[in-house]
Amino acid sequence: MDATLCPECGALAEVQWRAVMESTDGPIEHARISCLRRHWFLLPVAALERPQPQPAGDLRPTRLR
């Protein structure tokens, strides 16, 4: 599974597919992603964020701000 973060809520999201689309500046690779909260987006691959791995011993929940 190729994982990223949802641009709307920050939840873990899965890259469902990738495709190269033509633009006026030339071809750009895009990805369709969907997150655990059912948001979905079609955006350039360059805009994807890699999730940060949590340390194995850190079981504390992360706080939302």
C-alpha atoms as a PDB file:
ATOM      1  CA  MET A   1       0.000   0.000   0.000  1.00  0.00           C
ATOM      2  CA  ASP A   2       1.276   3.427  -0.917  1.00  0.00           C
ATOM      3  CA  ALA A   3       0.352   5.743   1.972  1.00  0.00           C
ATOM      4  CA  THR A   4       0.148   9.511   2.300  1.00  0.00           C
ATOM      5  CA  LEU A   5      -1.693  12.050   4.441  1.00  0.00           C
ATOM      6  CA  CYS A   6      -5.090  13.552   3.667  1.00  0.00           C
ATOM      7  CA  PRO A   7      -4.707  17.226   2.713  1.00  0.00           C
ATOM      8  CA  GLU A   8      -8.025  18.052   4.433  1.00  0.00           C
ATOM      9  CA  CYS A   9      -7.899  16.245   7.795  1.00  0.00           C
ATOM     10  CA  GLY A  10      -4.354  14.862   8.086  1.00  0.00           C
ATOM     11  CA  ALA A  11      -5.536  11.245   8.486  1.00  0.00           C
ATOM     12  CA  LEU A  12      -3.738   8.349   6.832  1.00  0.00           C
ATOM     13  CA  ALA A  13      -4.724   8.027   3.169  1.00  0.00           C
ATOM     14  CA  GLU A  14      -4.166   5.366   0.514  1.00  0.00           C
ATOM     15  CA  VAL A  15      -3.003   6.107  -3.021  1.00  0.00           C
ATOM     16  CA  GLN A  16      -5.561   4.223  -5.105  1.00  0.00           C
ATOM     17  CA  TRP A  17      -4.085   4.857  -8.543  1.00  0.00           C
ATOM     18  CA  ARG A  18      -1.672   7.053 -10.455  1.00  0.00           C
ATOM     19  CA  ALA A  19      -1.890   8.397 -13.990  1.00  0.00           C
ATOM     20  CA  VAL A  20       0.014  10.839 -16.162  1.00  0.00           C
ATOM     21  CA  MET A  21      -2.188  13.684 -17.381  1.00  0.00           C
ATOM     22  CA  GLU A  22      -1.351  16.235 -20.032  1.00  0.00           C
ATOM     23  CA  SER A  23      -1.131  19.918 -19.151  1.00  0.00           C
ATOM     24  CA  THR A  24      -0.014  23.090 -20.868  1.00  0.00           C
ATOM     25  CA  ASP A  25       3.377  22.693 -19.139  1.00  0.00           C
ATOM     26  CA  GLY A  26       3.713  19.035 -20.228  1.00  0.00           C
ATOM     27  CA  PRO A  27       2.697  15.727 -18.644  1.00  0.00           C
ATOM     28  CA  ILE A  28       2.190  15.663 -14.852  1.00  0.00           C
ATOM     29  CA  GLU A  29       1.744  12.511 -12.757  1.00  0.00           C
ATOM     30  CA  HIS A  30      -1.439  12.618 -10.633  1.00  0.00           C
ATOM     31  CA  ALA A  31      -2.747  10.310  -7.907  1.00  0.00           C
ATOM     32  CA  ARG A  32      -6.221   9.577  -6.576  1.00  0.00           C
ATOM     33  CA  ILE A  33      -6.152   9.222  -2.799  1.00  0.00           C
ATOM     34  CA  SER A  34      -8.796   8.400  -0.198  1.00  0.00           C
ATOM     35  CA  CYS A  35      -8.441   8.698   3.562  1.00  0.00           C
ATOM     36  CA  LEU A  36      -9.893   6.863   6.527  1.00  0.00           C
ATOM     37  CA  ARG A  37     -12.539   9.578   6.897  1.00  0.00           C
ATOM     38  CA  ARG A  38     -13.707   9.036   3.286  1.00  0.00           C
ATOM     39  CA  HIS A  39     -12.317  12.241   1.799  1.00  0.00           C
ATOM     40  CA  TRP A  40     -10.861  11.738  -1.676  1.00  0.00           C
ATOM     41  CA  PHE A  41      -8.719  13.878  -3.932  1.00  0.00           C
ATOM     42  CA  LEU A  42      -7.080  13.850  -7.347  1.00  0.00           C
ATOM     43  CA  LEU A  43      -3.835  15.799  -7.068  1.00  0.00           C
ATOM     44  CA  PRO A  44      -0.306  15.955  -8.468  1.00  0.00           C
ATOM     45  CA  VAL A  45       2.049  13.351  -7.006  1.00  0.00           C
ATOM     46  CA  ALA A  46       4.424  16.175  -6.044  1.00  0.00           C
ATOM     47  CA  ALA A  47       1.788  17.368  -3.525  1.00  0.00           C
ATOM     48  CA  LEU A  48       1.663  14.051  -1.613  1.00  0.00           C
ATOM     49  CA  GLU A  49       3.016  14.017   1.937  1.00  0.00           C
ATOM     50  CA  ARG A  50       4.761  11.011   3.433  1.00  0.00           C
ATOM     51  CA  PRO A  51       3.441  10.004   6.861  1.00  0.00           C
ATOM     52  CA  GLN A  52       5.996  10.294   9.667  1.00  0.00           C
ATOM     53  CA  PRO A  53       6.742   6.951  11.357  1.00  0.00           C
ATOM     54  CA  GLN A  54       6.024   6.885  15.088  1.00  0.00           C
ATOM     55  CA  PRO A  55       8.649   5.423  17.422  1.00  0.00           C
ATOM     56  CA  ALA A  56       7.885   1.792  18.305  1.00  0.00           C
ATOM     57  CA  GLY A  57       7.890   2.422  22.071  1.00  0.00           C
ATOM     58  CA  ASP A  58       5.682   5.525  21.934  1.00  0.00           C
ATOM     59  CA  LEU A  59       2.119   4.302  22.530  1.00  0.00           C
ATOM     60  CA  ARG A  60       0.734   7.661  23.667  1.00  0.00           C
ATOM     61  CA  PRO A  61      -2.061   9.013  21.483  1.00  0.00           C
ATOM     62  CA  THR A  62      -1.185  12.070  19.450  1.00  0.00           C
ATOM     63  CA  ARG A  63      -3.013  15.250  20.363  1.00  0.00           C
ATOM     64  CA  LEU A  64      -4.940  17.205  17.780  1.00  0.00           C
ATOM     65  CA  ARG A  65      -4.530  20.970  17.905  1.00  0.00           C
END
